[in-house]
C-alpha atoms as a PDB file:
ATOM      1  CA  MET A   1     135.451  84.776  11.235  1.00  0.00           C
ATOM      2  CA  SER A   2     135.580  81.781   8.944  1.00  0.00           C
ATOM      3  CA  ASP A   3     138.458  81.115   6.563  1.00  0.00           C
ATOM      4  CA  HIS A   4     136.052  81.654   3.658  1.00  0.00           C
ATOM      5  CA  ALA A   5     135.048  85.124   4.931  1.00  0.00           C
ATOM      6  CA  ALA A   6     138.698  86.062   5.440  1.00  0.00           C
ATOM      7  CA  ASP A   7     139.683  85.080   1.888  1.00  0.00           C
ATOM      8  CA  PRO A   8     140.913  88.287   0.157  1.00  0.00           C
ATOM      9  CA  ALA A   9     139.493  87.326  -3.255  1.00  0.00           C
ATOM     10  CA  THR A  10     136.042  86.713  -1.759  1.00  0.00           C
ATOM     11  CA  GLU A  11     136.168  89.890   0.299  1.00  0.00           C
ATOM     12  CA  ALA A  12     137.052  91.991  -2.746  1.00  0.00           C
ATOM     13  CA  PHE A  13     134.331  90.424  -4.873  1.00  0.00           C
ATOM     14  CA  VAL A  14     131.650  90.833  -2.199  1.00  0.00           C
ATOM     15  CA  ALA A  15     132.720  94.448  -1.573  1.00  0.00           C
ATOM     16  CA  HIS A  16     132.150  95.327  -5.237  1.00  0.00           C
ATOM     17  CA  ARG A  17     129.324  92.913  -6.054  1.00  0.00           C
ATOM     18  CA  ASN A  18     126.523  95.509  -6.168  1.00  0.00           C
ATOM     19  CA  LEU A  19     128.601  97.701  -8.486  1.00  0.00           C
ATOM     20  CA  LEU A  20     129.418  94.767 -10.776  1.00  0.00           C
ATOM     21  CA  PHE A  21     125.759  93.718 -10.926  1.00  0.00           C
ATOM     22  CA  THR A  22     124.730  97.289 -11.769  1.00  0.00           C
ATOM     23  CA  VAL A  23     127.325  97.496 -14.573  1.00  0.00           C
ATOM     24  CA  ALA A  24     126.190  94.157 -16.025  1.00  0.00           C
ATOM     25  CA  TYR A  25     122.488  95.011 -15.744  1.00  0.00           C
ATOM     26  CA  GLU A  26     122.941  98.442 -17.363  1.00  0.00           C
ATOM     27  CA  MET A  27     124.700  96.739 -20.277  1.00  0.00           C
ATOM     28  CA  LEU A  28     122.247  93.855 -20.630  1.00  0.00           C
ATOM     29  CA  GLY A  29     118.840  94.984 -19.376  1.00  0.00           C
ATOM     30  CA  SER A  30     118.410  91.532 -17.841  1.00  0.00           C
ATOM     31  CA  ALA A  31     118.950  90.692 -14.182  1.00  0.00           C
ATOM     32  CA  ALA A  32     119.141  86.967 -14.932  1.00  0.00           C
ATOM     33  CA  ASP A  33     121.899  87.509 -17.507  1.00  0.00           C
ATOM     34  CA  ALA A  34     123.656  89.965 -15.197  1.00  0.00           C
ATOM     35  CA  GLU A  35     123.771  87.277 -12.492  1.00  0.00           C
ATOM     36  CA  ASP A  36     125.270  84.837 -15.025  1.00  0.00           C
ATOM     37  CA  VAL A  37     127.899  87.442 -15.904  1.00  0.00           C
ATOM     38  CA  LEU A  38     128.771  87.832 -12.216  1.00  0.00           C
ATOM     39  CA  GLN A  39     129.177  84.066 -11.914  1.00  0.00           C
ATOM     40  CA  GLU A  40     131.533  84.042 -14.916  1.00  0.00           C
ATOM     41  CA  THR A  41     133.438  87.006 -13.462  1.00  0.00           C
ATOM     42  CA  TRP A  42     133.823  85.189 -10.143  1.00  0.00           C
ATOM     43  CA  LEU A  43     135.192  82.054 -11.828  1.00  0.00           C
ATOM     44  CA  ARG A  44     137.851  84.146 -13.549  1.00  0.00           C
ATOM     45  CA  TRP A  45     138.555  86.223 -10.448  1.00  0.00           C
ATOM     46  CA  VAL A  46     139.436  83.248  -8.246  1.00  0.00           C
ATOM     47  CA  GLU A  47     142.111  82.231 -10.756  1.00  0.00           C
ATOM     48  CA  VAL A  48     143.846  85.615 -10.555  1.00  0.00           C
ATOM     49  CA  ASP A  49     147.073  86.251  -8.616  1.00  0.00           C
ATOM     50  CA  LEU A  50     145.940  89.165  -6.425  1.00  0.00           C
ATOM     51  CA  ALA A  51     149.535  90.257  -5.900  1.00  0.00           C
ATOM     52  CA  GLN A  52     149.580  91.254  -9.582  1.00  0.00           C
ATOM     53  CA  VAL A  53     146.360  93.322  -9.357  1.00  0.00           C
ATOM     54  CA  ARG A  54     146.961  97.020  -8.639  1.00  0.00           C
ATOM     55  CA  ASP A  55     143.307  98.117  -8.525  1.00  0.00           C
ATOM     56  CA  ARG A  56     140.882  95.319  -7.667  1.00  0.00           C
ATOM     57  CA  ARG A  57     137.752  97.348  -8.388  1.00  0.00           C
ATOM     58  CA  ALA A  58     138.995  98.366 -11.849  1.00  0.00           C
ATOM     59  CA  TYR A  59     140.071  94.800 -12.610  1.00  0.00           C
ATOM     60  CA  LEU A  60     136.692  93.373 -11.608  1.00  0.00           C
ATOM     61  CA  VAL A  61     134.813  95.990 -13.650  1.00  0.00           C
ATOM     62  CA  ARG A  62     137.008  95.149 -16.647  1.00  0.00           C
ATOM     63  CA  VAL A  63     136.302  91.410 -16.389  1.00  0.00           C
ATOM     64  CA  THR A  64     132.574  92.040 -15.864  1.00  0.00           C
ATOM     65  CA  THR A  65     132.465  94.295 -18.929  1.00  0.00           C
ATOM     66  CA  ARG A  66     134.139  91.689 -21.122  1.00  0.00           C
ATOM     67  CA  GLN A  67     131.745  88.980 -19.975  1.00  0.00           C
ATOM     68  CA  ALA A  68     128.755  91.287 -20.486  1.00  0.00           C
ATOM     69  CA  LEU A  69     129.939  92.107 -24.024  1.00  0.00           C
ATOM     70  CA  ASN A  70     130.097  88.388 -24.820  1.00  0.00           C
ATOM     71  CA  ARG A  71     126.620  87.947 -23.373  1.00  0.00           C
ATOM     72  CA  LEU A  72     125.227  90.946 -25.316  1.00  0.00           C
ATOM     73  CA  ARG A  73     126.150  89.322 -28.594  1.00  0.00           C
ATOM     74  CA  THR A  74     124.364  86.069 -27.720  1.00  0.00           C
ATOM     75  CA  MET A  75     121.346  88.000 -26.380  1.00  0.00           C
ATOM     76  CA  ALA A  76     120.961  89.720 -29.758  1.00  0.00           C
ATOM     77  CA  ARG A  77     120.105  86.340 -31.298  1.00  0.00           C
ATOM     78  CA  ARG A  78     117.608  85.590 -28.513  1.00  0.00           C
ATOM     79  CA  LYS A  79     115.863  88.928 -29.008  1.00  0.00           C
ATOM     80  CA  GLU A  80     115.460  88.274 -32.720  1.00  0.00           C
ATOM     81  CA  ALA A  81     113.363  85.214 -31.831  1.00  0.00           C
ATOM     82  CA  TYR A  82     111.469  86.967 -29.019  1.00  0.00           C
ATOM     83  CA  VAL A  83     107.687  87.137 -29.378  1.00  0.00           C
ATOM     84  CA  GLY A  84     106.481  90.744 -29.424  1.00  0.00           C
ATOM     85  CA  PRO A  85     108.317  93.815 -28.136  1.00  0.00           C
ATOM     86  CA  TRP A  86     111.272  93.236 -25.781  1.00  0.00           C
ATOM     87  CA  LEU A  87     111.510  95.368 -22.624  1.00  0.00           C
ATOM     88  CA  PRO A  88     114.229  95.378 -19.951  1.00  0.00           C
ATOM     89  CA  GLU A  89     113.648  93.237 -16.879  1.00  0.00           C
ATOM     90  CA  PRO A  90     112.184  95.533 -14.171  1.00  0.00           C
ATOM     91  CA  LEU A  91     113.962  95.779 -10.814  1.00  0.00           C
ATOM     92  CA  LEU A  92     112.330  96.805  -7.547  1.00  0.00           C
ATOM     93  CA  THR A  93     114.794  99.370  -6.204  1.00  0.00           C
ATOM     94  CA  SER A  94     115.128 101.257  -2.941  1.00  0.00           C
ATOM     95  CA  PRO A  95     113.804 104.851  -2.721  1.00  0.00           C
ATOM     96  CA  ASP A  96     117.381 106.174  -2.320  1.00  0.00           C
ATOM     97  CA  VAL A  97     118.113 105.055  -5.904  1.00  0.00           C
ATOM     98  CA  ALA A  98     115.409 107.487  -7.072  1.00  0.00           C
ATOM     99  CA  GLU A  99     117.198 110.265  -5.175  1.00  0.00           C
ATOM    100  CA  ASP A 100     120.407 109.612  -7.145  1.00  0.00           C
ATOM    101  CA  VAL A 101     119.327 111.403 -10.326  1.00  0.00           C
ATOM    102  CA  GLU A 102     122.227 110.079 -12.409  1.00  0.00           C
ATOM    103  CA  LEU A 103     121.657 106.438 -11.455  1.00  0.00           C
ATOM    104  CA  ALA A 104     117.861 106.678 -11.638  1.00  0.00           C
ATOM    105  CA  GLU A 105     117.886 108.126 -15.162  1.00  0.00           C
ATOM    106  CA  SER A 106     120.389 105.555 -16.422  1.00  0.00           C
ATOM    107  CA  MET A 107     118.197 102.759 -15.018  1.00  0.00           C
ATOM    108  CA  SER A 108     114.912 104.061 -16.446  1.00  0.00           C
ATOM    109  CA  MET A 109     113.060 101.934 -18.969  1.00  0.00           C
ATOM    110  CA  ALA A 110     113.088 104.855 -21.400  1.00  0.00           C
ATOM    111  CA  LEU A 111     116.866 105.266 -21.379  1.00  0.00           C
ATOM    112  CA  MET A 112     117.561 101.532 -21.323  1.00  0.00           C
ATOM    113  CA  LEU A 113     115.502 101.172 -24.486  1.00  0.00           C
ATOM    114  CA  VAL A 114     117.648 103.888 -26.071  1.00  0.00           C
ATOM    115  CA  LEU A 115     120.757 101.919 -25.021  1.00  0.00           C
ATOM    116  CA  GLU A 116     119.300  98.938 -26.890  1.00  0.00           C
ATOM    117  CA  THR A 117     119.813 100.871 -30.131  1.00  0.00           C
ATOM    118  CA  LEU A 118     123.589 101.143 -29.575  1.00  0.00           C
ATOM    119  CA  SER A 119     126.097  98.543 -30.741  1.00  0.00           C
ATOM    120  CA  PRO A 120     127.472  96.323 -27.922  1.00  0.00           C
ATOM    121  CA  THR A 121     130.758  98.268 -27.780  1.00  0.00           C
ATOM    122  CA  GLU A 122     128.991 101.647 -27.893  1.00  0.00           C
ATOM    123  CA  ARG A 123     126.723 100.555 -25.067  1.00  0.00           C
ATOM    124  CA  ALA A 124     129.649  99.363 -22.947  1.00  0.00           C
ATOM    125  CA  VAL A 125     131.579 102.587 -23.510  1.00  0.00           C
ATOM    126  CA  PHE A 126     128.554 104.793 -22.817  1.00  0.00           C
ATOM    127  CA  VAL A 127     127.595 102.933 -19.632  1.00  0.00           C
ATOM    128  CA  LEU A 128     131.129 102.848 -18.225  1.00  0.00           C
ATOM    129  CA  ARG A 129     131.890 106.483 -19.051  1.00  0.00           C
ATOM    130  CA  GLU A 130     128.589 108.296 -18.593  1.00  0.00           C
ATOM    131  CA  VAL A 131     127.084 106.271 -15.766  1.00  0.00           C
ATOM    132  CA  PHE A 132     130.090 104.988 -13.821  1.00  0.00           C
ATOM    133  CA  ALA A 133     132.689 107.663 -14.724  1.00  0.00           C
ATOM    134  CA  VAL A 134     135.328 105.045 -15.584  1.00  0.00           C
ATOM    135  CA  ALA A 135     138.550 106.504 -17.029  1.00  0.00           C
ATOM    136  CA  TYR A 136     139.068 106.206 -20.800  1.00  0.00           C
ATOM    137  CA  ASP A 137     142.179 104.052 -20.442  1.00  0.00           C
ATOM    138  CA  GLU A 138     140.319 101.594 -18.188  1.00  0.00           C
ATOM    139  CA  ILE A 139     137.423 101.423 -20.663  1.00  0.00           C
ATOM    140  CA  ALA A 140     139.918 100.856 -23.477  1.00  0.00           C
ATOM    141  CA  ALA A 141     141.358  97.856 -21.623  1.00  0.00           C
ATOM    142  CA  ALA A 142     137.850  96.477 -21.028  1.00  0.00           C
ATOM    143  CA  VAL A 143     136.606  96.739 -24.619  1.00  0.00           C
ATOM    144  CA  GLY A 144     139.878  96.040 -26.420  1.00  0.00           C
ATOM    145  CA  LYS A 145     140.180  99.448 -28.124  1.00  0.00           C
ATOM    146  CA  SER A 146     142.685 102.291 -27.905  1.00  0.00           C
ATOM    147  CA  PRO A 147     141.855 105.217 -25.560  1.00  0.00           C
ATOM    148  CA  ALA A 148     141.568 107.488 -28.633  1.00  0.00           C
ATOM    149  CA  ALA A 149     139.063 105.129 -30.259  1.00  0.00           C
ATOM    150  CA  VAL A 150     137.106 104.906 -26.993  1.00  0.00           C
ATOM    151  CA  ARG A 151     136.847 108.723 -26.850  1.00  0.00           C
ATOM    152  CA  GLN A 152     135.385 108.735 -30.367  1.00  0.00           C
ATOM    153  CA  ILE A 153     132.947 105.938 -29.527  1.00  0.00           C
ATOM    154  CA  ALA A 154     131.893 107.762 -26.350  1.00  0.00           C
ATOM    155  CA  HIS A 155     131.300 110.986 -28.287  1.00  0.00           C
ATOM    156  CA  ARG A 156     129.202 109.161 -30.910  1.00  0.00           C
ATOM    157  CA  ALA A 157     127.176 107.235 -28.304  1.00  0.00           C
ATOM    158  CA  ARG A 158     126.605 110.387 -26.243  1.00  0.00           C
ATOM    159  CA  GLY A 159     125.187 112.161 -29.276  1.00  0.00           C
ATOM    160  CA  HIS A 160     122.951 109.219 -30.172  1.00  0.00           C
ATOM    161  CA  VAL A 161     121.566 108.925 -26.633  1.00  0.00           C
ATOM    162  CA  GLY A 162     121.293 112.688 -26.149  1.00  0.00           C
ATOM    163  CA  ALA A 163     119.039 113.008 -29.186  1.00  0.00           C
ATOM    164  CA  ARG A 164     116.627 110.407 -27.789  1.00  0.00           C
ATOM    165  CA  ARG A 165     116.608 110.938 -24.018  1.00  0.00           C
ATOM    166  CA  PRO A 166     113.920 113.067 -22.285  1.00  0.00           C
ATOM    167  CA  ARG A 167     114.458 116.783 -22.751  1.00  0.00           C
ATOM    168  CA  GLU A 168     114.579 117.482 -19.038  1.00  0.00           C
ATOM    169  CA  ALA A 169     114.788 115.508 -15.816  1.00  0.00           C
ATOM    170  CA  VAL A 170     111.444 114.972 -14.070  1.00  0.00           C
ATOM    171  CA  SER A 171     111.319 114.649 -10.300  1.00  0.00           C
ATOM    172  CA  PRO A 172     109.943 111.464  -8.712  1.00  0.00           C
ATOM    173  CA  GLY A 173     107.145 113.586  -7.211  1.00  0.00           C
ATOM    174  CA  GLU A 174     106.034 114.831 -10.635  1.00  0.00           C
ATOM    175  CA  THR A 175     106.090 111.328 -12.087  1.00  0.00           C
ATOM    176  CA  ARG A 176     104.139 110.001  -9.106  1.00  0.00           C
ATOM    177  CA  ALA A 177     101.438 112.665  -9.545  1.00  0.00           C
ATOM    178  CA  VAL A 178     101.060 111.825 -13.237  1.00  0.00           C
ATOM    179  CA  LEU A 179     100.884 108.104 -12.416  1.00  0.00           C
ATOM    180  CA  GLU A 180      98.144 108.755  -9.852  1.00  0.00           C
ATOM    181  CA  SER A 181      96.080 110.614 -12.465  1.00  0.00           C
ATOM    182  CA  PHE A 182      96.668 107.760 -14.925  1.00  0.00           C
ATOM    183  CA  GLN A 183      95.651 105.142 -12.342  1.00  0.00           C
ATOM    184  CA  ARG A 184      92.502 107.059 -11.399  1.00  0.00           C
ATOM    185  CA  ALA A 185      91.423 107.319 -15.045  1.00  0.00           C
ATOM    186  CA  VAL A 186      92.020 103.613 -15.710  1.00  0.00           C
ATOM    187  CA  GLU A 187      90.254 102.500 -12.499  1.00  0.00           C
ATOM    188  CA  THR A 188      87.143 104.540 -13.329  1.00  0.00           C
ATOM    189  CA  GLY A 189      87.195 103.920 -17.079  1.00  0.00           C
ATOM    190  CA  ASP A 190      87.505 107.675 -17.663  1.00  0.00           C
ATOM    191  CA  LEU A 191      88.562 107.950 -21.313  1.00  0.00           C
ATOM    192  CA  GLN A 192      88.844 111.752 -21.264  1.00  0.00           C
ATOM    193  CA  GLY A 193      90.794 111.667 -18.007  1.00  0.00           C
ATOM    194  CA  LEU A 194      93.220 109.252 -19.609  1.00  0.00           C
ATOM    195  CA  LEU A 195      93.561 111.390 -22.735  1.00  0.00           C
ATOM    196  CA  ASP A 196      94.345 114.383 -20.504  1.00  0.00           C
ATOM    197  CA  VAL A 197      97.347 112.622 -18.974  1.00  0.00           C
ATOM    198  CA  LEU A 198      98.723 111.133 -22.206  1.00  0.00           C
ATOM    199  CA  ALA A 199     100.957 113.166 -24.518  1.00  0.00           C
ATOM    200  CA  PRO A 200      99.766 113.240 -28.161  1.00  0.00           C
ATOM    201  CA  GLU A 201     102.890 111.275 -29.222  1.00  0.00           C
ATOM    202  CA  VAL A 202     102.678 108.672 -26.418  1.00  0.00           C
ATOM    203  CA  VAL A 203     103.904 105.152 -27.219  1.00  0.00           C
ATOM    204  CA  LEU A 204     102.742 102.038 -25.348  1.00  0.00           C
ATOM    205  CA  MET A 205     104.885  98.889 -25.320  1.00  0.00           C
ATOM    206  CA  GLY A 206     103.831  95.606 -23.762  1.00  0.00           C
ATOM    207  CA  ASP A 207     106.122  92.647 -23.103  1.00  0.00           C
ATOM    208  CA  GLY A 208     104.392  89.314 -22.655  1.00  0.00           C
ATOM    209  CA  GLY A 209     107.197  87.248 -24.138  1.00  0.00           C
ATOM    210  CA  GLY A 210     104.671  85.017 -25.886  1.00  0.00           C
ATOM    211  CA  VAL A 211     103.597  83.712 -22.466  1.00  0.00           C
ATOM    212  CA  LYS A 212     101.119  86.419 -21.454  1.00  0.00           C
ATOM    213  CA  GLN A 213      98.884  88.454 -23.737  1.00  0.00           C
ATOM    214  CA  ALA A 214     100.318  91.869 -24.611  1.00  0.00           C
ATOM    215  CA  ALA A 215     100.215  94.346 -27.480  1.00  0.00           C
ATOM    216  CA  PRO A 216     102.038  92.516 -30.307  1.00  0.00           C
ATOM    217  CA  ARG A 217     103.688  95.754 -31.448  1.00  0.00           C
ATOM    218  CA  PRO A 218     104.095  99.290 -30.062  1.00  0.00           C
ATOM    219  CA  ILE A 219     100.943 101.444 -30.119  1.00  0.00           C
ATOM    220  CA  SER A 220     101.394 105.148 -30.897  1.00  0.00           C
ATOM    221  CA  GLY A 221      99.161 108.168 -30.363  1.00  0.00           C
ATOM    222  CA  ALA A 222      97.027 109.202 -27.391  1.00  0.00           C
ATOM    223  CA  ALA A 223      93.664 108.186 -28.864  1.00  0.00           C
ATOM    224  CA  LYS A 224      94.827 104.686 -29.881  1.00  0.00           C
ATOM    225  CA  VAL A 225      96.653 104.092 -26.594  1.00  0.00           C
ATOM    226  CA  ALA A 226      93.709 105.306 -24.501  1.00  0.00           C
ATOM    227  CA  ARG A 227      91.209 103.127 -26.378  1.00  0.00           C
ATOM    228  CA  PHE A 228      93.517 100.118 -26.063  1.00  0.00           C
ATOM    229  CA  ILE A 229      93.893 100.598 -22.302  1.00  0.00           C
ATOM    230  CA  ILE A 230      90.224 101.348 -21.533  1.00  0.00           C
ATOM    231  CA  GLY A 231      89.016  98.528 -23.778  1.00  0.00           C
ATOM    232  CA  GLY A 232      91.555  96.038 -22.495  1.00  0.00           C
ATOM    233  CA  THR A 233      90.901  96.729 -18.802  1.00  0.00           C
ATOM    234  CA  ALA A 234      87.086  97.024 -18.878  1.00  0.00           C
ATOM    235  CA  ARG A 235      86.329  93.400 -17.985  1.00  0.00           C
ATOM    236  CA  TYR A 236      89.135  93.177 -15.380  1.00  0.00           C
ATOM    237  CA  ARG A 237      88.698  96.595 -13.732  1.00  0.00           C
ATOM    238  CA  ARG A 238      87.307  95.385 -10.401  1.00  0.00           C
ATOM    239  CA  ARG A 239      89.823  92.538 -10.172  1.00  0.00           C
ATOM    240  CA  VAL A 240      92.974  94.643 -10.552  1.00  0.00           C
ATOM    241  CA  ALA A 241      94.844  96.198  -7.635  1.00  0.00           C
ATOM    242  CA  TYR A 242      97.566  98.813  -8.132  1.00  0.00           C
ATOM    243  CA  GLU A 243     100.580  99.244  -5.865  1.00  0.00           C
ATOM    244  CA  GLU A 244     102.973 102.170  -6.036  1.00  0.00           C
ATOM    245  CA  ALA A 245     106.595 101.069  -6.207  1.00  0.00           C
ATOM    246  CA  VAL A 246     110.063 102.325  -7.092  1.00  0.00           C
ATOM    247  CA  VAL A 247     111.108 100.335 -10.158  1.00  0.00           C
ATOM    248  CA  ASN A 248     114.411 100.950 -11.958  1.00  0.00           C
ATOM    249  CA  GLY A 249     114.899 104.023  -9.812  1.00  0.00           C
ATOM    250  CA  GLY A 250     111.583 105.684 -10.668  1.00  0.00           C
ATOM    251  CA  PRO A 251     107.915 105.639  -9.612  1.00  0.00           C
ATOM    252  CA  ALA A 252     105.964 102.779 -11.201  1.00  0.00           C
ATOM    253  CA  LEU A 253     102.884 100.657 -10.659  1.00  0.00           C
ATOM    254  CA  VAL A 254     102.827  96.970  -9.779  1.00  0.00           C
ATOM    255  CA  LEU A 255      99.553  95.384 -10.929  1.00  0.00           C
ATOM    256  CA  ARG A 256      97.922  92.381  -9.294  1.00  0.00           C
ATOM    257  CA  LEU A 257      95.043  90.487 -10.868  1.00  0.00           C
ATOM    258  CA  ASP A 258      92.943  88.578  -8.323  1.00  0.00           C
ATOM    259  CA  GLY A 259      95.823  88.999  -5.884  1.00  0.00           C
ATOM    260  CA  GLU A 260      98.434  87.510  -8.216  1.00  0.00           C
ATOM    261  CA  LEU A 261     101.289  89.538  -9.679  1.00  0.00           C
ATOM    262  CA  ASP A 262     100.309  90.409 -13.255  1.00  0.00           C
ATOM    263  CA  GLY A 263     102.875  92.953 -14.360  1.00  0.00           C
ATOM    264  CA  VAL A 264     104.861  96.121 -13.828  1.00  0.00           C
ATOM    265  CA  LEU A 265     104.059  99.444 -15.482  1.00  0.00           C
ATOM    266  CA  ALA A 266     106.816 102.021 -15.853  1.00  0.00           C
ATOM    267  CA  VAL A 267     106.352 105.382 -17.551  1.00  0.00           C
ATOM    268  CA  ARG A 268     108.281 108.164 -19.218  1.00  0.00           C
ATOM    269  CA  VAL A 269     106.978 111.619 -18.309  1.00  0.00           C
ATOM    270  CA  GLU A 270     107.702 114.892 -20.084  1.00  0.00           C
ATOM    271  CA  ASP A 271     105.929 118.228 -19.506  1.00  0.00           C
ATOM    272  CA  ALA A 272     103.561 116.626 -16.970  1.00  0.00           C
ATOM    273  CA  ARG A 273     102.280 114.079 -19.508  1.00  0.00           C
ATOM    274  CA  ILE A 274     103.094 110.463 -20.234  1.00  0.00           C
ATOM    275  CA  THR A 275     105.132 109.987 -23.417  1.00  0.00           C
ATOM    276  CA  GLY A 276     106.011 106.325 -22.828  1.00  0.00           C
ATOM    277  CA  LEU A 277     104.176 103.394 -21.200  1.00  0.00           C
ATOM    278  CA  TYR A 278     106.121 100.170 -20.612  1.00  0.00           C
ATOM    279  CA  TYR A 279     104.148  97.197 -19.304  1.00  0.00           C
ATOM    280  CA  VAL A 280     106.087  94.007 -18.545  1.00  0.00           C
ATOM    281  CA  ARG A 281     103.915  90.894 -18.128  1.00  0.00           C
ATOM    282  CA  ASN A 282     106.362  88.127 -19.056  1.00  0.00           C
ATOM    283  CA  PRO A 283     106.498  86.063 -15.808  1.00  0.00           C
ATOM    284  CA  GLU A 284     110.180  85.288 -16.365  1.00  0.00           C
ATOM    285  CA  LYS A 285     110.910  89.008 -16.072  1.00  0.00           C
ATOM    286  CA  LEU A 286     108.952  89.603 -12.861  1.00  0.00           C
ATOM    287  CA  THR A 287     111.162  87.790 -10.354  1.00  0.00           C
ATOM    288  CA  ARG A 288     112.957  90.996  -9.324  1.00  0.00           C
ATOM    289  CA  VAL A 289     109.881  92.954  -8.221  1.00  0.00           C
ATOM    290  CA  ARG A 290     109.249  90.890  -5.089  1.00  0.00           C
ATOM    291  CA  SER A 291     112.241  92.253  -3.166  1.00  0.00           C
ATOM    292  CA  GLU A 292     114.621  95.176  -3.653  1.00  0.00           C
ATOM    293  CA  THR A 293     117.777  94.720  -5.729  1.00  0.00           C
ATOM    294  CA  PRO A 294     120.789  96.544  -4.234  1.00  0.00           C
ATOM    295  CA  LEU A 295     122.626  98.708  -6.755  1.00  0.00           C
ATOM    296  CA  ALA A 296     125.772 100.838  -6.668  1.00  0.00           C
ATOM    297  CA  LEU A 297     127.517 103.442  -8.822  1.00  0.00           C
ATOM    298  CA  ARG A 298     130.874 103.303  -7.051  1.00  0.00           C
END
């Protein structure tokens, strides 16, 4: 074993790296920014006297959270200048992530968009408490608040998210079946078949980032969404190939146009119908769908 591999600081960081990445990604919705946060965490970690650290995992989560909070505030300015709707960066994940209901739901595009509506501190508190079951006193140390204040923030954030999350959990099998019906309707140009699989209140969001063409604003209502999809895919229908994938812990479709990666489509399903369609085309956000990203809750 090399000296580098035997270094206690390196060993501790590597042991918890997947957890730290997951925390940062859940807070930021961006894998690229999460990697930057991990780099900043590492630079601070190597300066620490390990003899003074009682719980290395808790310490690393605390540092990661602080760096992610700093990054969240700068990202807010970037999003204000973003062209068109902003969607989280999709991650190709292993099938076992889908089996972890808690992790899969927290990673879903639908819930991550709800998290976008929280303040940075509310998002940090919600993610650490509800997703990673971090103790209130540890969260307090990470966000610079008292444990009592953190409990209040957690209660407020929980209520906000609870009012906007899907009414009931949908199994991967159910979502996959709905996606197959959606794909079949789009491939054949079947407008009625598409309407049958879309909920009346469905919302479609496309993220091209100003680089690729996408809907410039969310489209609401089954009829409008269906016409947009059928009309927009008519000329490309024979050139598009669909691949089933597990993205952000749930079934999704990876689309290739003339063999080249074109985008990732994730959905929100309720009562066997699609209530949310999230299509990411921005090439800068598609780097994490070529190979699986390892994640961890503990």
